[in-house]
């Protein structure tokens, strides 16, 4: 239980430093570790269908768009879909492309009664490099964590 509690404490400290309304901020590796160690933990990938299909998927993730594709309009059914697929008692880890949309998703879930929400810093692809490309600096994929193409 030491590794689990240490990881959660570190995530909480990061979240408090950033004044987040949810439980905390995880690195991609920490998120993966929690998924292995915490019974019932769920990874919720809030990217668009296009991103899942064209960029890659995380095996076993619950996929619920935060913004819909095409158009980028907020998914009005996000919380309904979340409640249908993820128990509010679960430890829930939110992932998007770069760690921004997942902040909104974790916040909305927390406000709707999910007490154990975390965000994945860097997201699936990480930040843009000097050439404006993602995937070279940080992120789930760059960390070598499990993912599949298409």
C-alpha atoms as a PDB file:
ATOM      1  CA  UNK A   1       0.000   0.000   0.000  1.00  0.00           C
ATOM      2  CA  UNK A   2       3.039   2.272   0.383  1.00  0.00           C
ATOM      3  CA  UNK A   3       3.537   2.899  -3.355  1.00  0.00           C
ATOM      4  CA  UNK A   4      -0.172   3.600  -3.826  1.00  0.00           C
ATOM      5  CA  UNK A   5      -0.442   6.039  -0.924  1.00  0.00           C
ATOM      6  CA  UNK A   6       2.842   7.749  -1.853  1.00  0.00           C
ATOM      7  CA  UNK A   7       1.632   8.266  -5.428  1.00  0.00           C
ATOM      8  CA  UNK A   8      -1.738   9.620  -4.271  1.00  0.00           C
ATOM      9  CA  UNK A   9      -0.098  11.980  -1.773  1.00  0.00           C
ATOM     10  CA  UNK A  10       2.275  13.352  -4.407  1.00  0.00           C
ATOM     11  CA  UNK A  11      -0.638  13.835  -6.831  1.00  0.00           C
ATOM     12  CA  UNK A  12      -2.632  15.658  -4.135  1.00  0.00           C
ATOM     13  CA  UNK A  13       0.296  17.965  -3.394  1.00  0.00           C
ATOM     14  CA  UNK A  14       0.579  18.845  -7.101  1.00  0.00           C
ATOM     15  CA  UNK A  15      -3.175  19.429  -7.316  1.00  0.00           C
ATOM     16  CA  UNK A  16      -3.166  21.702  -4.273  1.00  0.00           C
ATOM     17  CA  UNK A  17      -0.228  23.689  -5.672  1.00  0.00           C
ATOM     18  CA  UNK A  18      -2.250  24.250  -8.870  1.00  0.00           C
ATOM     19  CA  UNK A  19      -5.441  24.985  -6.890  1.00  0.00           C
ATOM     20  CA  UNK A  20      -7.380  22.165  -8.576  1.00  0.00           C
ATOM     21  CA  UNK A  21     -10.876  21.298  -7.275  1.00  0.00           C
ATOM     22  CA  UNK A  22     -10.317  17.545  -7.731  1.00  0.00           C
ATOM     23  CA  UNK A  23      -7.967  15.154  -5.903  1.00  0.00           C
ATOM     24  CA  UNK A  24      -4.741  15.669  -7.812  1.00  0.00           C
ATOM     25  CA  UNK A  25      -2.407  15.659 -10.788  1.00  0.00           C
ATOM     26  CA  UNK A  26      -0.593  12.511 -11.962  1.00  0.00           C
ATOM     27  CA  UNK A  27       2.260  11.962 -14.371  1.00  0.00           C
ATOM     28  CA  UNK A  28       1.451   9.385 -17.068  1.00  0.00           C
ATOM     29  CA  UNK A  29       3.633   6.783 -15.303  1.00  0.00           C
ATOM     30  CA  UNK A  30       1.911   7.447 -11.965  1.00  0.00           C
ATOM     31  CA  UNK A  31      -1.486   7.096 -13.621  1.00  0.00           C
ATOM     32  CA  UNK A  32      -0.477   3.750 -15.092  1.00  0.00           C
ATOM     33  CA  UNK A  33       0.859   2.605 -11.712  1.00  0.00           C
ATOM     34  CA  UNK A  34      -2.416   3.553 -10.008  1.00  0.00           C
ATOM     35  CA  UNK A  35      -4.398   1.615 -12.600  1.00  0.00           C
ATOM     36  CA  UNK A  36      -2.326  -1.448 -11.680  1.00  0.00           C
ATOM     37  CA  UNK A  37      -2.481  -0.964  -7.898  1.00  0.00           C
ATOM     38  CA  UNK A  38      -5.913   0.503  -7.122  1.00  0.00           C
ATOM     39  CA  UNK A  39      -8.765  -1.996  -7.410  1.00  0.00           C
ATOM     40  CA  UNK A  40     -11.568  -0.641  -9.576  1.00  0.00           C
ATOM     41  CA  UNK A  41      -9.598   2.401 -10.788  1.00  0.00           C
ATOM     42  CA  UNK A  42     -10.761   3.642 -14.196  1.00  0.00           C
ATOM     43  CA  UNK A  43      -8.971   5.622 -16.880  1.00  0.00           C
ATOM     44  CA  UNK A  44     -11.410   7.879 -18.731  1.00  0.00           C
ATOM     45  CA  UNK A  45     -10.050   9.099 -22.065  1.00  0.00           C
ATOM     46  CA  UNK A  46     -11.899  12.319 -22.943  1.00  0.00           C
ATOM     47  CA  UNK A  47     -10.345  12.906 -26.367  1.00  0.00           C
ATOM     48  CA  UNK A  48     -12.469  12.848 -29.524  1.00  0.00           C
ATOM     49  CA  UNK A  49     -13.400   9.821 -31.595  1.00  0.00           C
ATOM     50  CA  UNK A  50     -11.077  11.125 -34.293  1.00  0.00           C
ATOM     51  CA  UNK A  51      -8.164  11.202 -31.843  1.00  0.00           C
ATOM     52  CA  UNK A  52      -8.883   7.647 -30.675  1.00  0.00           C
ATOM     53  CA  UNK A  53      -9.101   6.406 -34.262  1.00  0.00           C
ATOM     54  CA  UNK A  54      -6.222   8.359 -35.806  1.00  0.00           C
ATOM     55  CA  UNK A  55      -3.761   8.935 -32.951  1.00  0.00           C
ATOM     56  CA  UNK A  56      -4.211   5.888 -30.735  1.00  0.00           C
ATOM     57  CA  UNK A  57      -6.121   4.351 -27.866  1.00  0.00           C
ATOM     58  CA  UNK A  58      -5.280   3.238 -24.353  1.00  0.00           C
ATOM     59  CA  UNK A  59      -6.404  -0.398 -23.947  1.00  0.00           C
ATOM     60  CA  UNK A  60      -9.144  -0.746 -21.343  1.00  0.00           C
ATOM     61  CA  UNK A  61      -9.867   2.985 -21.098  1.00  0.00           C
ATOM     62  CA  UNK A  62     -13.433   4.238 -20.867  1.00  0.00           C
ATOM     63  CA  UNK A  63     -13.836   6.546 -23.880  1.00  0.00           C
ATOM     64  CA  UNK A  64     -16.169   9.533 -23.451  1.00  0.00           C
ATOM     65  CA  UNK A  65     -15.693  12.649 -25.560  1.00  0.00           C
ATOM     66  CA  UNK A  66     -15.430  15.899 -23.572  1.00  0.00           C
ATOM     67  CA  UNK A  67     -15.732  17.922 -26.781  1.00  0.00           C
ATOM     68  CA  UNK A  68     -17.475  16.355 -29.738  1.00  0.00           C
ATOM     69  CA  UNK A  69     -15.899  15.804 -33.142  1.00  0.00           C
ATOM     70  CA  UNK A  70     -16.372  17.445 -35.544  1.00  0.00           C
ATOM     71  CA  UNK A  71     -16.982  20.956 -34.327  1.00  0.00           C
ATOM     72  CA  UNK A  72     -15.427  20.830 -30.873  1.00  0.00           C
ATOM     73  CA  UNK A  73     -18.731  21.506 -29.108  1.00  0.00           C
ATOM     74  CA  UNK A  74     -18.892  20.351 -25.482  1.00  0.00           C
ATOM     75  CA  UNK A  75     -20.511  16.937 -25.195  1.00  0.00           C
ATOM     76  CA  UNK A  76     -23.840  17.639 -23.420  1.00  0.00           C
ATOM     77  CA  UNK A  77     -24.057  13.968 -22.391  1.00  0.00           C
ATOM     78  CA  UNK A  78     -20.597  13.735 -20.820  1.00  0.00           C
ATOM     79  CA  UNK A  79     -21.763  13.360 -17.203  1.00  0.00           C
ATOM     80  CA  UNK A  80     -24.637  11.054 -18.177  1.00  0.00           C
ATOM     81  CA  UNK A  81     -22.215   8.791 -20.051  1.00  0.00           C
ATOM     82  CA  UNK A  82     -19.712   8.929 -17.198  1.00  0.00           C
ATOM     83  CA  UNK A  83     -22.354   7.931 -14.641  1.00  0.00           C
ATOM     84  CA  UNK A  84     -23.481   5.072 -16.884  1.00  0.00           C
ATOM     85  CA  UNK A  85     -19.956   3.683 -17.310  1.00  0.00           C
ATOM     86  CA  UNK A  86     -18.018   4.589 -14.155  1.00  0.00           C
ATOM     87  CA  UNK A  87     -19.033   4.069 -10.525  1.00  0.00           C
ATOM     88  CA  UNK A  88     -18.884   7.374  -8.573  1.00  0.00           C
ATOM     89  CA  UNK A  89     -16.987   5.510  -5.824  1.00  0.00           C
ATOM     90  CA  UNK A  90     -14.160   4.590  -8.202  1.00  0.00           C
ATOM     91  CA  UNK A  91     -10.785   6.239  -8.395  1.00  0.00           C
ATOM     92  CA  UNK A  92     -11.128   7.986 -11.772  1.00  0.00           C
ATOM     93  CA  UNK A  93      -8.200   9.177 -13.853  1.00  0.00           C
ATOM     94  CA  UNK A  94      -8.930  11.562 -16.739  1.00  0.00           C
ATOM     95  CA  UNK A  95      -6.749  11.703 -19.854  1.00  0.00           C
ATOM     96  CA  UNK A  96      -6.881  13.915 -22.960  1.00  0.00           C
ATOM     97  CA  UNK A  97      -4.329  14.953 -25.602  1.00  0.00           C
ATOM     98  CA  UNK A  98      -2.219  17.338 -23.525  1.00  0.00           C
ATOM     99  CA  UNK A  99      -3.812  17.477 -20.057  1.00  0.00           C
ATOM    100  CA  UNK A 100      -6.159  20.457 -20.553  1.00  0.00           C
ATOM    101  CA  UNK A 101      -9.587  19.050 -21.504  1.00  0.00           C
ATOM    102  CA  UNK A 102      -9.119  16.429 -18.801  1.00  0.00           C
ATOM    103  CA  UNK A 103      -8.909  19.242 -16.214  1.00  0.00           C
ATOM    104  CA  UNK A 104     -12.433  20.281 -17.233  1.00  0.00           C
ATOM    105  CA  UNK A 105     -13.642  16.685 -17.168  1.00  0.00           C
ATOM    106  CA  UNK A 106     -12.146  15.997 -13.715  1.00  0.00           C
ATOM    107  CA  UNK A 107     -13.637  19.236 -12.409  1.00  0.00           C
ATOM    108  CA  UNK A 108     -17.106  18.469 -13.803  1.00  0.00           C
ATOM    109  CA  UNK A 109     -16.999  14.925 -12.434  1.00  0.00           C
ATOM    110  CA  UNK A 110     -15.940  16.176  -8.992  1.00  0.00           C
ATOM    111  CA  UNK A 111     -18.745  18.745  -8.978  1.00  0.00           C
ATOM    112  CA  UNK A 112     -21.243  16.005  -9.846  1.00  0.00           C
ATOM    113  CA  UNK A 113     -20.259  13.770  -6.927  1.00  0.00           C
ATOM    114  CA  UNK A 114     -17.162  11.839  -7.996  1.00  0.00           C
ATOM    115  CA  UNK A 115     -14.887  12.265  -4.973  1.00  0.00           C
ATOM    116  CA  UNK A 116     -11.756  10.545  -6.244  1.00  0.00           C
ATOM    117  CA  UNK A 117     -10.799  12.259  -9.539  1.00  0.00           C
ATOM    118  CA  UNK A 118      -7.314  12.804 -10.926  1.00  0.00           C
ATOM    119  CA  UNK A 119      -5.924  14.410 -14.075  1.00  0.00           C
ATOM    120  CA  UNK A 120      -3.039  13.084 -16.166  1.00  0.00           C
ATOM    121  CA  UNK A 121      -0.449  15.806 -16.699  1.00  0.00           C
ATOM    122  CA  UNK A 122       0.903  15.886 -20.269  1.00  0.00           C
ATOM    123  CA  UNK A 123      -2.050  13.822 -21.550  1.00  0.00           C
ATOM    124  CA  UNK A 124      -1.667  11.201 -24.265  1.00  0.00           C
ATOM    125  CA  UNK A 125       0.602  13.192 -26.607  1.00  0.00           C
ATOM    126  CA  UNK A 126       2.293  15.811 -24.421  1.00  0.00           C
ATOM    127  CA  UNK A 127       3.185  19.374 -25.337  1.00  0.00           C
ATOM    128  CA  UNK A 128       4.177  20.659 -28.776  1.00  0.00           C
ATOM    129  CA  UNK A 129       7.857  20.660 -29.638  1.00  0.00           C
ATOM    130  CA  UNK A 130       9.718  23.538 -31.330  1.00  0.00           C
ATOM    131  CA  UNK A 131       8.241  22.452 -34.682  1.00  0.00           C
ATOM    132  CA  UNK A 132       4.682  22.451 -33.338  1.00  0.00           C
ATOM    133  CA  UNK A 133       4.413  18.653 -33.254  1.00  0.00           C
ATOM    134  CA  UNK A 134       3.097  16.583 -30.380  1.00  0.00           C
ATOM    135  CA  UNK A 135       4.418  13.223 -29.216  1.00  0.00           C
ATOM    136  CA  UNK A 136       8.065  14.157 -28.718  1.00  0.00           C
ATOM    137  CA  UNK A 137       7.761  15.908 -25.334  1.00  0.00           C
ATOM    138  CA  UNK A 138       6.028  14.027 -22.534  1.00  0.00           C
ATOM    139  CA  UNK A 139       2.701  12.251 -22.552  1.00  0.00           C
ATOM    140  CA  UNK A 140       1.393   8.720 -22.109  1.00  0.00           C
ATOM    141  CA  UNK A 141       2.689   7.510 -25.471  1.00  0.00           C
ATOM    142  CA  UNK A 142       6.185   9.031 -25.064  1.00  0.00           C
ATOM    143  CA  UNK A 143       6.434   7.386 -21.613  1.00  0.00           C
ATOM    144  CA  UNK A 144       6.145   4.010 -23.353  1.00  0.00           C
ATOM    145  CA  UNK A 145       2.878   3.098 -21.651  1.00  0.00           C
ATOM    146  CA  UNK A 146       0.393   0.717 -23.312  1.00  0.00           C
ATOM    147  CA  UNK A 147      -1.458   2.063 -26.342  1.00  0.00           C
ATOM    148  CA  UNK A 148      -2.710   0.745 -29.657  1.00  0.00           C
ATOM    149  CA  UNK A 149      -3.080   2.349 -33.064  1.00  0.00           C
ATOM    150  CA  UNK A 150      -6.530   2.569 -34.646  1.00  0.00           C
END
